[in-house]
PDB file of N, CA and C in Angstrom:
ATOM      1  N   MET A   1     -67.040 -27.540 -26.993  1.00  0.00           N
ATOM      2  CA  MET A   1     -67.251 -26.138 -27.315  1.00  0.00           C
ATOM      3  C   MET A   1     -66.619 -25.287 -26.210  1.00  0.00           C
ATOM      4  N   LYS A   2     -66.056 -24.155 -26.629  1.00  0.00           N
ATOM      5  CA  LYS A   2     -65.421 -23.244 -25.678  1.00  0.00           C
ATOM      6  C   LYS A   2     -66.486 -22.536 -24.851  1.00  0.00           C
ATOM      7  N   ASP A   3     -66.094 -22.172 -23.624  1.00  0.00           N
ATOM      8  CA  ASP A   3     -67.028 -21.390 -22.818  1.00  0.00           C
ATOM      9  C   ASP A   3     -66.812 -19.898 -23.084  1.00  0.00           C
ATOM     10  N   VAL A   4     -67.705 -19.096 -22.581  1.00  0.00           N
ATOM     11  CA  VAL A   4     -67.690 -17.661 -22.839  1.00  0.00           C
ATOM     12  C   VAL A   4     -66.391 -17.018 -22.353  1.00  0.00           C
ATOM     13  N   GLN A   5     -65.876 -17.450 -21.216  1.00  0.00           N
ATOM     14  CA  GLN A   5     -64.661 -16.859 -20.667  1.00  0.00           C
ATOM     15  C   GLN A   5     -63.466 -17.090 -21.591  1.00  0.00           C
ATOM     16  N   GLU A   6     -63.342 -18.306 -22.140  1.00  0.00           N
ATOM     17  CA  GLU A   6     -62.239 -18.596 -23.056  1.00  0.00           C
ATOM     18  C   GLU A   6     -62.305 -17.707 -24.296  1.00  0.00           C
ATOM     19  N   VAL A   7     -63.478 -17.603 -24.871  1.00  0.00           N
ATOM     20  CA  VAL A   7     -63.651 -16.788 -26.070  1.00  0.00           C
ATOM     21  C   VAL A   7     -63.389 -15.321 -25.744  1.00  0.00           C
ATOM     22  N   PHE A   8     -63.856 -14.860 -24.584  1.00  0.00           N
ATOM     23  CA  PHE A   8     -63.629 -13.474 -24.172  1.00  0.00           C
ATOM     24  C   PHE A   8     -62.135 -13.197 -24.034  1.00  0.00           C
ATOM     25  N   SER A   9     -61.390 -14.131 -23.447  1.00  0.00           N
ATOM     26  CA  SER A   9     -59.946 -13.958 -23.283  1.00  0.00           C
ATOM     27  C   SER A   9     -59.249 -13.879 -24.640  1.00  0.00           C
ATOM     28  N   GLU A  10     -59.634 -14.736 -25.572  1.00  0.00           N
ATOM     29  CA  GLU A  10     -59.058 -14.694 -26.916  1.00  0.00           C
ATOM     30  C   GLU A  10     -59.391 -13.377 -27.604  1.00  0.00           C
ATOM     31  N   PHE A  11     -60.600 -12.905 -27.392  1.00  0.00           N
ATOM     32  CA  PHE A  11     -61.040 -11.628 -27.951  1.00  0.00           C
ATOM     33  C   PHE A  11     -60.185 -10.485 -27.407  1.00  0.00           C
ATOM     34  N   GLN A  12     -59.924 -10.486 -26.114  1.00  0.00           N
ATOM     35  CA  GLN A  12     -59.100  -9.434 -25.488  1.00  0.00           C
ATOM     36  C   GLN A  12     -57.684  -9.445 -26.060  1.00  0.00           C
ATOM     37  N   ILE A  13     -57.111 -10.637 -26.250  1.00  0.00           N
ATOM     38  CA  ILE A  13     -55.764 -10.754 -26.805  1.00  0.00           C
ATOM     39  C   ILE A  13     -55.731 -10.204 -28.235  1.00  0.00           C
ATOM     40  N   ALA A  14     -56.744 -10.571 -29.036  1.00  0.00           N
ATOM     41  CA  ALA A  14     -56.816 -10.084 -30.415  1.00  0.00           C
ATOM     42  C   ALA A  14     -56.954  -8.565 -30.451  1.00  0.00           C
ATOM     43  N   LYS A  15     -57.784  -8.000 -29.565  1.00  0.00           N
ATOM     44  CA  LYS A  15     -57.955  -6.546 -29.509  1.00  0.00           C
ATOM     45  C   LYS A  15     -56.644  -5.852 -29.168  1.00  0.00           C
ATOM     46  N   LYS A  16     -55.890  -6.427 -28.231  1.00  0.00           N
ATOM     47  CA  LYS A  16     -54.622  -5.829 -27.824  1.00  0.00           C
ATOM     48  C   LYS A  16     -53.624  -5.834 -28.981  1.00  0.00           C
ATOM     49  N   GLU A  17     -53.560  -6.944 -29.717  1.00  0.00           N
ATOM     50  CA  GLU A  17     -52.639  -7.027 -30.848  1.00  0.00           C
ATOM     51  C   GLU A  17     -53.059  -6.057 -31.958  1.00  0.00           C
ATOM     52  N   MET A  18     -54.352  -5.942 -32.203  1.00  0.00           N
ATOM     53  CA  MET A  18     -54.846  -4.998 -33.202  1.00  0.00           C
ATOM     54  C   MET A  18     -54.449  -3.570 -32.828  1.00  0.00           C
ATOM     55  N   LYS A  19     -54.548  -3.247 -31.557  1.00  0.00           N
ATOM     56  CA  LYS A  19     -54.195  -1.910 -31.082  1.00  0.00           C
ATOM     57  C   LYS A  19     -52.709  -1.624 -31.331  1.00  0.00           C
ATOM     58  N   GLU A  20     -51.868  -2.608 -31.066  1.00  0.00           N
ATOM     59  CA  GLU A  20     -50.431  -2.447 -31.279  1.00  0.00           C
ATOM     60  C   GLU A  20     -50.114  -2.243 -32.757  1.00  0.00           C
ATOM     61  N   ILE A  21     -50.758  -3.026 -33.629  1.00  0.00           N
ATOM     62  CA  ILE A  21     -50.513  -2.904 -35.065  1.00  0.00           C
ATOM     63  C   ILE A  21     -50.989  -1.554 -35.582  1.00  0.00           C
ATOM     64  N   ARG A  22     -52.140  -1.094 -35.107  1.00  0.00           N
ATOM     65  CA  ARG A  22     -52.633   0.230 -35.515  1.00  0.00           C
ATOM     66  C   ARG A  22     -51.658   1.327 -35.105  1.00  0.00           C
ATOM     67  N   LYS A  23     -51.067   1.187 -33.916  1.00  0.00           N
ATOM     68  CA  LYS A  23     -50.096   2.186 -33.446  1.00  0.00           C
ATOM     69  C   LYS A  23     -48.877   2.197 -34.356  1.00  0.00           C
ATOM     70  N   GLU A  24     -48.385   1.029 -34.718  1.00  0.00           N
ATOM     71  CA  GLU A  24     -47.246   0.942 -35.632  1.00  0.00           C
ATOM     72  C   GLU A  24     -47.590   1.581 -36.977  1.00  0.00           C
ATOM     73  N   TYR A  25     -48.781   1.309 -37.465  1.00  0.00           N
ATOM     74  CA  TYR A  25     -49.250   1.850 -38.740  1.00  0.00           C
ATOM     75  C   TYR A  25     -49.259   3.377 -38.697  1.00  0.00           C
ATOM     76  N   LYS A  26     -49.815   3.928 -37.613  1.00  0.00           N
ATOM     77  CA  LYS A  26     -49.860   5.383 -37.473  1.00  0.00           C
ATOM     78  C   LYS A  26     -48.456   5.985 -37.391  1.00  0.00           C
ATOM     79  N   ASP A  27     -47.539   5.291 -36.716  1.00  0.00           N
ATOM     80  CA  ASP A  27     -46.164   5.764 -36.627  1.00  0.00           C
ATOM     81  C   ASP A  27     -45.505   5.822 -38.003  1.00  0.00           C
ATOM     82  N   VAL A  28     -45.742   4.794 -38.812  1.00  0.00           N
ATOM     83  CA  VAL A  28     -45.163   4.760 -40.158  1.00  0.00           C
ATOM     84  C   VAL A  28     -45.727   5.909 -40.990  1.00  0.00           C
ATOM     85  N   LEU A  29     -47.027   6.134 -40.908  1.00  0.00           N
ATOM     86  CA  LEU A  29     -47.641   7.233 -41.662  1.00  0.00           C
ATOM     87  C   LEU A  29     -47.151   8.593 -41.182  1.00  0.00           C
ATOM     88  N   ALA A  30     -46.904   8.730 -39.900  1.00  0.00           N
ATOM     89  CA  ALA A  30     -46.438   9.999 -39.351  1.00  0.00           C
ATOM     90  C   ALA A  30     -45.056  10.358 -39.898  1.00  0.00           C
ATOM     91  N   GLN A  31     -44.294   9.366 -40.302  1.00  0.00           N
ATOM     92  CA  GLN A  31     -42.940   9.590 -40.833  1.00  0.00           C
ATOM     93  C   GLN A  31     -42.956   9.901 -42.335  1.00  0.00           C
ATOM     94  N   ASP A  32     -44.094   9.710 -42.991  1.00  0.00           N
ATOM     95  CA  ASP A  32     -44.209   9.895 -44.432  1.00  0.00           C
ATOM     96  C   ASP A  32     -44.573  11.348 -44.743  1.00  0.00           C
ATOM     97  N   ALA A  33     -43.628  12.107 -45.302  1.00  0.00           N
ATOM     98  CA  ALA A  33     -43.826  13.532 -45.562  1.00  0.00           C
ATOM     99  C   ALA A  33     -44.939  13.772 -46.584  1.00  0.00           C
ATOM    100  N   GLU A  34     -44.986  12.968 -47.635  1.00  0.00           N
ATOM    101  CA  GLU A  34     -46.016  13.140 -48.658  1.00  0.00           C
ATOM    102  C   GLU A  34     -47.405  12.900 -48.073  1.00  0.00           C
ATOM    103  N   TYR A  35     -47.512  11.913 -47.194  1.00  0.00           N
ATOM    104  CA  TYR A  35     -48.780  11.628 -46.538  1.00  0.00           C
ATOM    105  C   TYR A  35     -49.205  12.816 -45.676  1.00  0.00           C
ATOM    106  N   GLN A  36     -48.268  13.409 -44.959  1.00  0.00           N
ATOM    107  CA  GLN A  36     -48.581  14.564 -44.116  1.00  0.00           C
ATOM    108  C   GLN A  36     -49.059  15.743 -44.954  1.00  0.00           C
ATOM    109  N   GLU A  37     -48.457  15.914 -46.132  1.00  0.00           N
ATOM    110  CA  GLU A  37     -48.877  16.980 -47.044  1.00  0.00           C
ATOM    111  C   GLU A  37     -50.308  16.731 -47.528  1.00  0.00           C
ATOM    112  N   LEU A  38     -50.608  15.494 -47.842  1.00  0.00           N
ATOM    113  CA  LEU A  38     -51.965  15.130 -48.259  1.00  0.00           C
ATOM    114  C   LEU A  38     -52.972  15.409 -47.150  1.00  0.00           C
ATOM    115  N   LEU A  39     -52.595  15.112 -45.900  1.00  0.00           N
ATOM    116  CA  LEU A  39     -53.484  15.383 -44.774  1.00  0.00           C
ATOM    117  C   LEU A  39     -53.818  16.865 -44.673  1.00  0.00           C
ATOM    118  N   GLU A  40     -52.817  17.716 -44.876  1.00  0.00           N
ATOM    119  CA  GLU A  40     -53.048  19.161 -44.812  1.00  0.00           C
ATOM    120  C   GLU A  40     -54.018  19.608 -45.904  1.00  0.00           C
ATOM    121  N   LYS A  41     -53.849  19.075 -47.123  1.00  0.00           N
ATOM    122  CA  LYS A  41     -54.753  19.419 -48.218  1.00  0.00           C
ATOM    123  C   LYS A  41     -56.168  18.941 -47.916  1.00  0.00           C
ATOM    124  N   MET A  42     -56.274  17.725 -47.381  1.00  0.00           N
ATOM    125  CA  MET A  42     -57.587  17.179 -47.047  1.00  0.00           C
ATOM    126  C   MET A  42     -58.285  18.025 -45.983  1.00  0.00           C
ATOM    127  N   ASN A  43     -57.533  18.473 -44.995  1.00  0.00           N
ATOM    128  CA  ASN A  43     -58.131  19.305 -43.941  1.00  0.00           C
ATOM    129  C   ASN A  43     -58.652  20.613 -44.512  1.00  0.00           C
ATOM    130  N   ALA A  44     -57.905  21.199 -45.446  1.00  0.00           N
ATOM    131  CA  ALA A  44     -58.361  22.442 -46.087  1.00  0.00           C
ATOM    132  C   ALA A  44     -59.634  22.180 -46.888  1.00  0.00           C
ATOM    133  N   MET A  45     -59.680  21.058 -47.586  1.00  0.00           N
ATOM    134  CA  MET A  45     -60.871  20.727 -48.371  1.00  0.00           C
ATOM    135  C   MET A  45     -62.059  20.431 -47.463  1.00  0.00           C
ATOM    136  N   ARG A  46     -61.818  19.786 -46.329  1.00  0.00           N
ATOM    137  CA  ARG A  46     -62.899  19.527 -45.376  1.00  0.00           C
ATOM    138  C   ARG A  46     -63.515  20.825 -44.873  1.00  0.00           C
ATOM    139  N   GLU A  47     -62.651  21.799 -44.621  1.00  0.00           N
ATOM    140  CA  GLU A  47     -63.138  23.093 -44.138  1.00  0.00           C
ATOM    141  C   GLU A  47     -64.014  23.765 -45.198  1.00  0.00           C
ATOM    142  N   THR A  48     -63.583  23.707 -46.451  1.00  0.00           N
ATOM    143  CA  THR A  48     -64.368  24.272 -47.546  1.00  0.00           C
ATOM    144  C   THR A  48     -65.698  23.534 -47.671  1.00  0.00           C
ATOM    145  N   LYS A  49     -65.648  22.215 -47.575  1.00  0.00           N
ATOM    146  CA  LYS A  49     -66.862  21.385 -47.656  1.00  0.00           C
ATOM    147  C   LYS A  49     -67.825  21.773 -46.537  1.00  0.00           C
ATOM    148  N   LYS A  50     -67.306  21.949 -45.337  1.00  0.00           N
ATOM    149  CA  LYS A  50     -68.133  22.300 -44.182  1.00  0.00           C
ATOM    150  C   LYS A  50     -68.828  23.647 -44.413  1.00  0.00           C
ATOM    151  N   GLN A  51     -68.113  24.602 -44.996  1.00  0.00           N
ATOM    152  CA  GLN A  51     -68.696  25.906 -45.275  1.00  0.00           C
ATOM    153  C   GLN A  51     -69.866  25.785 -46.254  1.00  0.00           C
ATOM    154  N   HIS A  52     -69.702  24.939 -47.282  1.00  0.00           N
ATOM    155  CA  HIS A  52     -70.778  24.720 -48.252  1.00  0.00           C
ATOM    156  C   HIS A  52     -71.977  24.043 -47.590  1.00  0.00           C
ATOM    157  N   GLU A  53     -71.704  23.089 -46.712  1.00  0.00           N
ATOM    158  CA  GLU A  53     -72.784  22.388 -46.008  1.00  0.00           C
ATOM    159  C   GLU A  53     -73.571  23.359 -45.125  1.00  0.00           C
ATOM    160  N   LEU A  54     -72.867  24.209 -44.396  1.00  0.00           N
ATOM    161  CA  LEU A  54     -73.536  25.183 -43.527  1.00  0.00           C
ATOM    162  C   LEU A  54     -74.386  26.146 -44.348  1.00  0.00           C
ATOM    163  N   SER A  55     -73.886  26.528 -45.501  1.00  0.00           N
ATOM    164  CA  SER A  55     -74.641  27.413 -46.380  1.00  0.00           C
ATOM    165  C   SER A  55     -75.924  26.724 -46.856  1.00  0.00           C
ATOM    166  N   ALA A  56     -75.811  25.461 -47.238  1.00  0.00           N
ATOM    167  CA  ALA A  56     -76.990  24.702 -47.686  1.00  0.00           C
ATOM    168  C   ALA A  56     -77.990  24.538 -46.543  1.00  0.00           C
ATOM    169  N   GLN A  57     -77.501  24.314 -45.326  1.00  0.00           N
ATOM    170  CA  GLN A  57     -78.386  24.172 -44.171  1.00  0.00           C
ATOM    171  C   GLN A  57     -79.135  25.474 -43.912  1.00  0.00           C
ATOM    172  N   ARG A  58     -78.440  26.589 -44.024  1.00  0.00           N
ATOM    173  CA  ARG A  58     -79.096  27.892 -43.840  1.00  0.00           C
ATOM    174  C   ARG A  58     -80.160  28.100 -44.919  1.00  0.00           C
ATOM    175  N   ASP A  59     -79.850  27.698 -46.150  1.00  0.00           N
ATOM    176  CA  ASP A  59     -80.809  27.853 -47.247  1.00  0.00           C
ATOM    177  C   ASP A  59     -82.061  27.019 -47.005  1.00  0.00           C
ATOM    178  N   LEU A  60     -81.914  25.848 -46.413  1.00  0.00           N
ATOM    179  CA  LEU A  60     -83.068  24.988 -46.147  1.00  0.00           C
ATOM    180  C   LEU A  60     -83.920  25.514 -44.992  1.00  0.00           C
ATOM    181  N   GLY A  61     -83.303  26.187 -44.060  1.00  0.00           N
ATOM    182  CA  GLY A  61     -84.024  26.803 -42.951  1.00  0.00           C
ATOM    183  C   GLY A  61     -84.842  25.830 -42.119  1.00  0.00           C
ATOM    184  N   MET A  62     -86.159  25.997 -42.149  1.00  0.00           N
ATOM    185  CA  MET A  62     -87.062  25.192 -41.326  1.00  0.00           C
ATOM    186  C   MET A  62     -87.014  23.707 -41.692  1.00  0.00           C
ATOM    187  N   ARG A  63     -86.772  23.406 -42.955  1.00  0.00           N
ATOM    188  CA  ARG A  63     -86.695  21.998 -43.372  1.00  0.00           C
ATOM    189  C   ARG A  63     -85.514  21.322 -42.683  1.00  0.00           C
ATOM    190  N   TRP A  64     -84.409  22.032 -42.524  1.00  0.00           N
ATOM    191  CA  TRP A  64     -83.240  21.461 -41.856  1.00  0.00           C
ATOM    192  C   TRP A  64     -83.544  21.216 -40.378  1.00  0.00           C
ATOM    193  N   GLU A  65     -84.252  22.133 -39.752  1.00  0.00           N
ATOM    194  CA  GLU A  65     -84.658  21.963 -38.359  1.00  0.00           C
ATOM    195  C   GLU A  65     -85.596  20.767 -38.214  1.00  0.00           C
ATOM    196  N   LYS A  66     -86.476  20.594 -39.185  1.00  0.00           N
ATOM    197  CA  LYS A  66     -87.392  19.457 -39.181  1.00  0.00           C
ATOM    198  C   LYS A  66     -86.606  18.147 -39.252  1.00  0.00           C
ATOM    199  N   LEU A  67     -85.524  18.120 -40.031  1.00  0.00           N
ATOM    200  CA  LEU A  67     -84.676  16.932 -40.122  1.00  0.00           C
ATOM    201  C   LEU A  67     -84.097  16.588 -38.754  1.00  0.00           C
ATOM    202  N   ASP A  68     -83.626  17.581 -38.021  1.00  0.00           N
ATOM    203  CA  ASP A  68     -83.095  17.339 -36.677  1.00  0.00           C
ATOM    204  C   ASP A  68     -84.168  16.763 -35.756  1.00  0.00           C
ATOM    205  N   GLU A  69     -85.376  17.307 -35.842  1.00  0.00           N
ATOM    206  CA  GLU A  69     -86.480  16.794 -35.023  1.00  0.00           C
ATOM    207  C   GLU A  69     -86.785  15.344 -35.383  1.00  0.00           C
ATOM    208  N   LEU A  70     -86.806  15.058 -36.674  1.00  0.00           N
ATOM    209  CA  LEU A  70     -87.103  13.696 -37.131  1.00  0.00           C
ATOM    210  C   LEU A  70     -86.018  12.705 -36.705  1.00  0.00           C
ATOM    211  N   LYS A  71     -84.774  13.157 -36.646  1.00  0.00           N
ATOM    212  CA  LYS A  71     -83.690  12.281 -36.172  1.00  0.00           C
ATOM    213  C   LYS A  71     -83.951  11.859 -34.735  1.00  0.00           C
ATOM    214  N   GLY A  72     -84.313  12.809 -33.896  1.00  0.00           N
ATOM    215  CA  GLY A  72     -84.605  12.503 -32.500  1.00  0.00           C
ATOM    216  C   GLY A  72     -85.820  11.602 -32.355  1.00  0.00           C
ATOM    217  N   GLU A  73     -86.856  11.891 -33.117  1.00  0.00           N
ATOM    218  CA  GLU A  73     -88.063  11.071 -33.075  1.00  0.00           C
ATOM    219  C   GLU A  73     -87.771   9.658 -33.555  1.00  0.00           C
ATOM    220  N   SER A  74     -86.955   9.547 -34.597  1.00  0.00           N
ATOM    221  CA  SER A  74     -86.599   8.237 -35.144  1.00  0.00           C
ATOM    222  C   SER A  74     -85.855   7.398 -34.110  1.00  0.00           C
ATOM    223  N   LYS A  75     -84.920   8.024 -33.411  1.00  0.00           N
ATOM    224  CA  LYS A  75     -84.167   7.303 -32.379  1.00  0.00           C
ATOM    225  C   LYS A  75     -85.106   6.831 -31.269  1.00  0.00           C
ATOM    226  N   SER A  76     -86.007   7.685 -30.865  1.00  0.00           N
ATOM    227  CA  SER A  76     -86.969   7.338 -29.820  1.00  0.00           C
ATOM    228  C   SER A  76     -87.861   6.179 -30.257  1.00  0.00           C
ATOM    229  N   LEU A  77     -88.349   6.231 -31.491  1.00  0.00           N
ATOM    230  CA  LEU A  77     -89.200   5.163 -32.009  1.00  0.00           C
ATOM    231  C   LEU A  77     -88.428   3.845 -32.130  1.00  0.00           C
ATOM    232  N   GLN A  78     -87.154   3.928 -32.506  1.00  0.00           N
ATOM    233  CA  GLN A  78     -86.314   2.726 -32.604  1.00  0.00           C
ATOM    234  C   GLN A  78     -86.171   2.063 -31.236  1.00  0.00           C
ATOM    235  N   GLU A  79     -85.926   2.867 -30.205  1.00  0.00           N
ATOM    236  CA  GLU A  79     -85.818   2.333 -28.848  1.00  0.00           C
ATOM    237  C   GLU A  79     -87.139   1.704 -28.408  1.00  0.00           C
ATOM    238  N   MET A  80     -88.250   2.360 -28.756  1.00  0.00           N
ATOM    239  CA  MET A  80     -89.558   1.842 -28.396  1.00  0.00           C
ATOM    240  C   MET A  80     -89.811   0.496 -29.083  1.00  0.00           C
ATOM    241  N   MET A  81     -89.445   0.406 -30.379  1.00  0.00           N
ATOM    242  CA  MET A  81     -89.616  -0.868 -31.097  1.00  0.00           C
ATOM    243  C   MET A  81     -88.789  -1.968 -30.439  1.00  0.00           C
ATOM    244  N   SER A  82     -87.579  -1.633 -30.019  1.00  0.00           N
ATOM    245  CA  SER A  82     -86.719  -2.622 -29.360  1.00  0.00           C
ATOM    246  C   SER A  82     -87.350  -3.097 -28.055  1.00  0.00           C
ATOM    247  N   ASP A  83     -87.821  -2.153 -27.261  1.00  0.00           N
ATOM    248  CA  ASP A  83     -88.442  -2.509 -25.980  1.00  0.00           C
ATOM    249  C   ASP A  83     -89.681  -3.386 -26.173  1.00  0.00           C
ATOM    250  N   ILE A  84     -90.531  -2.981 -27.116  1.00  0.00           N
ATOM    251  CA  ILE A  84     -91.766  -3.731 -27.357  1.00  0.00           C
ATOM    252  C   ILE A  84     -91.454  -5.123 -27.890  1.00  0.00           C
ATOM    253  N   SER A  85     -90.515  -5.215 -28.843  1.00  0.00           N
ATOM    254  CA  SER A  85     -90.215  -6.524 -29.424  1.00  0.00           C
ATOM    255  C   SER A  85     -89.567  -7.445 -28.402  1.00  0.00           C
ATOM    256  N   LEU A  86     -88.721  -6.917 -27.543  1.00  0.00           N
ATOM    257  CA  LEU A  86     -88.092  -7.740 -26.511  1.00  0.00           C
ATOM    258  C   LEU A  86     -89.145  -8.229 -25.516  1.00  0.00           C
ATOM    259  N   SER A  87     -90.062  -7.358 -25.117  1.00  0.00           N
ATOM    260  CA  SER A  87     -91.139  -7.757 -24.207  1.00  0.00           C
ATOM    261  C   SER A  87     -92.032  -8.810 -24.848  1.00  0.00           C
ATOM    262  N   THR A  88     -92.352  -8.630 -26.110  1.00  0.00           N
ATOM    263  CA  THR A  88     -93.193  -9.576 -26.837  1.00  0.00           C
ATOM    264  C   THR A  88     -92.502 -10.931 -26.937  1.00  0.00           C
ATOM    265  N   MET A  89     -91.205 -10.914 -27.245  1.00  0.00           N
ATOM    266  CA  MET A  89     -90.446 -12.158 -27.348  1.00  0.00           C
ATOM    267  C   MET A  89     -90.382 -12.870 -25.997  1.00  0.00           C
ATOM    268  N   MET A  90     -90.219 -12.104 -24.923  1.00  0.00           N
ATOM    269  CA  MET A  90     -90.146 -12.691 -23.587  1.00  0.00           C
ATOM    270  C   MET A  90     -91.485 -13.325 -23.193  1.00  0.00           C
ATOM    271  N   ASP A  91     -92.572 -12.847 -23.783  1.00  0.00           N
ATOM    272  CA  ASP A  91     -93.889 -13.438 -23.541  1.00  0.00           C
ATOM    273  C   ASP A  91     -94.113 -14.682 -24.389  1.00  0.00           C
ATOM    274  N   GLY A  92     -93.107 -15.037 -25.204  1.00  0.00           N
ATOM    275  CA  GLY A  92     -93.189 -16.245 -26.017  1.00  0.00           C
ATOM    276  C   GLY A  92     -93.882 -16.057 -27.354  1.00  0.00           C
ATOM    277  N   GLU A  93     -94.122 -14.842 -27.739  1.00  0.00           N
ATOM    278  CA  GLU A  93     -94.788 -14.571 -29.005  1.00  0.00           C
ATOM    279  C   GLU A  93     -93.759 -14.276 -30.092  1.00  0.00           C
ATOM    280  N   THR A  94     -94.139 -14.516 -31.337  1.00  0.00           N
ATOM    281  CA  THR A  94     -93.276 -14.219 -32.478  1.00  0.00           C
ATOM    282  C   THR A  94     -93.321 -12.729 -32.770  1.00  0.00           C
ATOM    283  N   VAL A  95     -92.172 -12.177 -33.099  1.00  0.00           N
ATOM    284  CA  VAL A  95     -92.084 -10.749 -33.391  1.00  0.00           C
ATOM    285  C   VAL A  95     -91.707 -10.580 -34.862  1.00  0.00           C
ATOM    286  N   GLU A  96     -92.563  -9.895 -35.594  1.00  0.00           N
ATOM    287  CA  GLU A  96     -92.275  -9.570 -36.982  1.00  0.00           C
ATOM    288  C   GLU A  96     -93.110  -8.373 -37.386  1.00  0.00           C
ATOM    289  N   VAL A  97     -92.600  -7.608 -38.346  1.00  0.00           N
ATOM    290  CA  VAL A  97     -93.319  -6.449 -38.872  1.00  0.00           C
ATOM    291  C   VAL A  97     -93.215  -6.471 -40.394  1.00  0.00           C
ATOM    292  N   ARG A  98     -94.088  -5.727 -41.048  1.00  0.00           N
ATOM    293  CA  ARG A  98     -94.089  -5.634 -42.508  1.00  0.00           C
ATOM    294  C   ARG A  98     -94.092  -4.161 -42.917  1.00  0.00           C
ATOM    295  N   ASP A  99     -93.388  -3.871 -44.019  1.00  0.00           N
ATOM    296  CA  ASP A  99     -93.390  -2.503 -44.527  1.00  0.00           C
ATOM    297  C   ASP A  99     -94.503  -2.316 -45.549  1.00  0.00           C
ATOM    298  N   GLU A 100     -94.550  -1.142 -46.172  1.00  0.00           N
ATOM    299  CA  GLU A 100     -95.630  -0.852 -47.109  1.00  0.00           C
ATOM    300  C   GLU A 100     -95.594  -1.723 -48.365  1.00  0.00           C
ATOM    301  N   TYR A 101     -94.445  -2.383 -48.623  1.00  0.00           N
ATOM    302  CA  TYR A 101     -94.323  -3.272 -49.777  1.00  0.00           C
ATOM    303  C   TYR A 101     -94.513  -4.732 -49.396  1.00  0.00           C
ATOM    304  N   ASP A 102     -94.995  -4.965 -48.184  1.00  0.00           N
ATOM    305  CA  ASP A 102     -95.256  -6.294 -47.645  1.00  0.00           C
ATOM    306  C   ASP A 102     -93.977  -7.118 -47.442  1.00  0.00           C
ATOM    307  N   ASN A 103     -92.843  -6.444 -47.277  1.00  0.00           N
ATOM    308  CA  ASN A 103     -91.599  -7.129 -46.936  1.00  0.00           C
ATOM    309  C   ASN A 103     -91.616  -7.450 -45.448  1.00  0.00           C
ATOM    310  N   LEU A 104     -91.213  -8.651 -45.113  1.00  0.00           N
ATOM    311  CA  LEU A 104     -91.228  -9.108 -43.726  1.00  0.00           C
ATOM    312  C   LEU A 104     -89.904  -8.778 -43.046  1.00  0.00           C
ATOM    313  N   TYR A 105     -89.967  -8.273 -41.821  1.00  0.00           N
ATOM    314  CA  TYR A 105     -88.784  -7.963 -41.014  1.00  0.00           C
ATOM    315  C   TYR A 105     -88.883  -8.708 -39.692  1.00  0.00           C
ATOM    316  N   GLU A 106     -87.777  -9.305 -39.295  1.00  0.00           N
ATOM    317  CA  GLU A 106     -87.687  -9.952 -37.992  1.00  0.00           C
ATOM    318  C   GLU A 106     -86.603  -9.232 -37.195  1.00  0.00           C
ATOM    319  N   PRO A 107     -86.756  -9.160 -35.880  1.00  0.00           N
ATOM    320  CA  PRO A 107     -85.758  -8.450 -35.080  1.00  0.00           C
ATOM    321  C   PRO A 107     -84.444  -9.227 -34.997  1.00  0.00           C
ATOM    322  N   MET A 108     -83.353  -8.488 -34.867  1.00  0.00           N
ATOM    323  CA  MET A 108     -82.033  -9.072 -34.624  1.00  0.00           C
ATOM    324  C   MET A 108     -81.584  -8.576 -33.262  1.00  0.00           C
ATOM    325  N   TYR A 109     -81.124  -9.474 -32.453  1.00  0.00           N
ATOM    326  CA  TYR A 109     -80.681  -9.117 -31.102  1.00  0.00           C
ATOM    327  C   TYR A 109     -79.167  -9.227 -31.036  1.00  0.00           C
ATOM    328  N   ASN A 110     -78.555  -8.344 -30.280  1.00  0.00           N
ATOM    329  CA  ASN A 110     -77.110  -8.268 -30.185  1.00  0.00           C
ATOM    330  C   ASN A 110     -76.722  -8.234 -28.697  1.00  0.00           C
ATOM    331  N   VAL A 111     -75.711  -8.998 -28.342  1.00  0.00           N
ATOM    332  CA  VAL A 111     -75.250  -9.014 -26.962  1.00  0.00           C
ATOM    333  C   VAL A 111     -73.863  -8.366 -26.915  1.00  0.00           C
ATOM    334  N   ASN A 112     -73.701  -7.410 -26.036  1.00  0.00           N
ATOM    335  CA  ASN A 112     -72.415  -6.763 -25.811  1.00  0.00           C
ATOM    336  C   ASN A 112     -72.068  -6.888 -24.344  1.00  0.00           C
ATOM    337  N   PHE A 113     -70.778  -6.871 -24.058  1.00  0.00           N
ATOM    338  CA  PHE A 113     -70.330  -6.905 -22.670  1.00  0.00           C
ATOM    339  C   PHE A 113     -69.743  -5.551 -22.321  1.00  0.00           C
ATOM    340  N   LYS A 114     -70.098  -5.077 -21.138  1.00  0.00           N
ATOM    341  CA  LYS A 114     -69.655  -3.770 -20.657  1.00  0.00           C
ATOM    342  C   LYS A 114     -68.866  -3.991 -19.371  1.00  0.00           C
ATOM    343  N   LYS A 115     -67.732  -3.303 -19.251  1.00  0.00           N
ATOM    344  CA  LYS A 115     -66.914  -3.404 -18.046  1.00  0.00           C
ATOM    345  C   LYS A 115     -67.712  -2.891 -16.860  1.00  0.00           C
ATOM    346  N   VAL A 116     -67.760  -3.664 -15.766  1.00  0.00           N
ATOM    347  CA  VAL A 116     -68.617  -3.335 -14.630  1.00  0.00           C
ATOM    348  C   VAL A 116     -67.936  -2.389 -13.657  1.00  0.00           C
ATOM    349  N   ASN A 117     -66.686  -2.610 -13.319  1.00  0.00           N
ATOM    350  CA  ASN A 117     -66.051  -1.750 -12.309  1.00  0.00           C
ATOM    351  C   ASN A 117     -65.101  -0.806 -12.897  1.00  0.00           C
TER     352      ASN A 117
END
């Protein structure tokens, strides 16, 4: 079996090649006049869409503000669940929760690497 360093090196090479291909792709699209025209139309439509969204948000008033509050609370609760489940798992206990329909949920853990220096 490969060690972590070997897999990481292969991952870095794949990322670099993907970046190069994406750059080539963008260059080809930049040369396509019809594509550029479509982009301009899409940007105009996005602006119109944004205006409608802002109008709907104003119409909702306090309910829209409540949604923003709930987003923040939800993120905080998600972090708390992660912390509690990780602590519980480290204590050697099983971690699982159930929703109102008695569906069972188990935590999923993800490992990412972050550049240190």
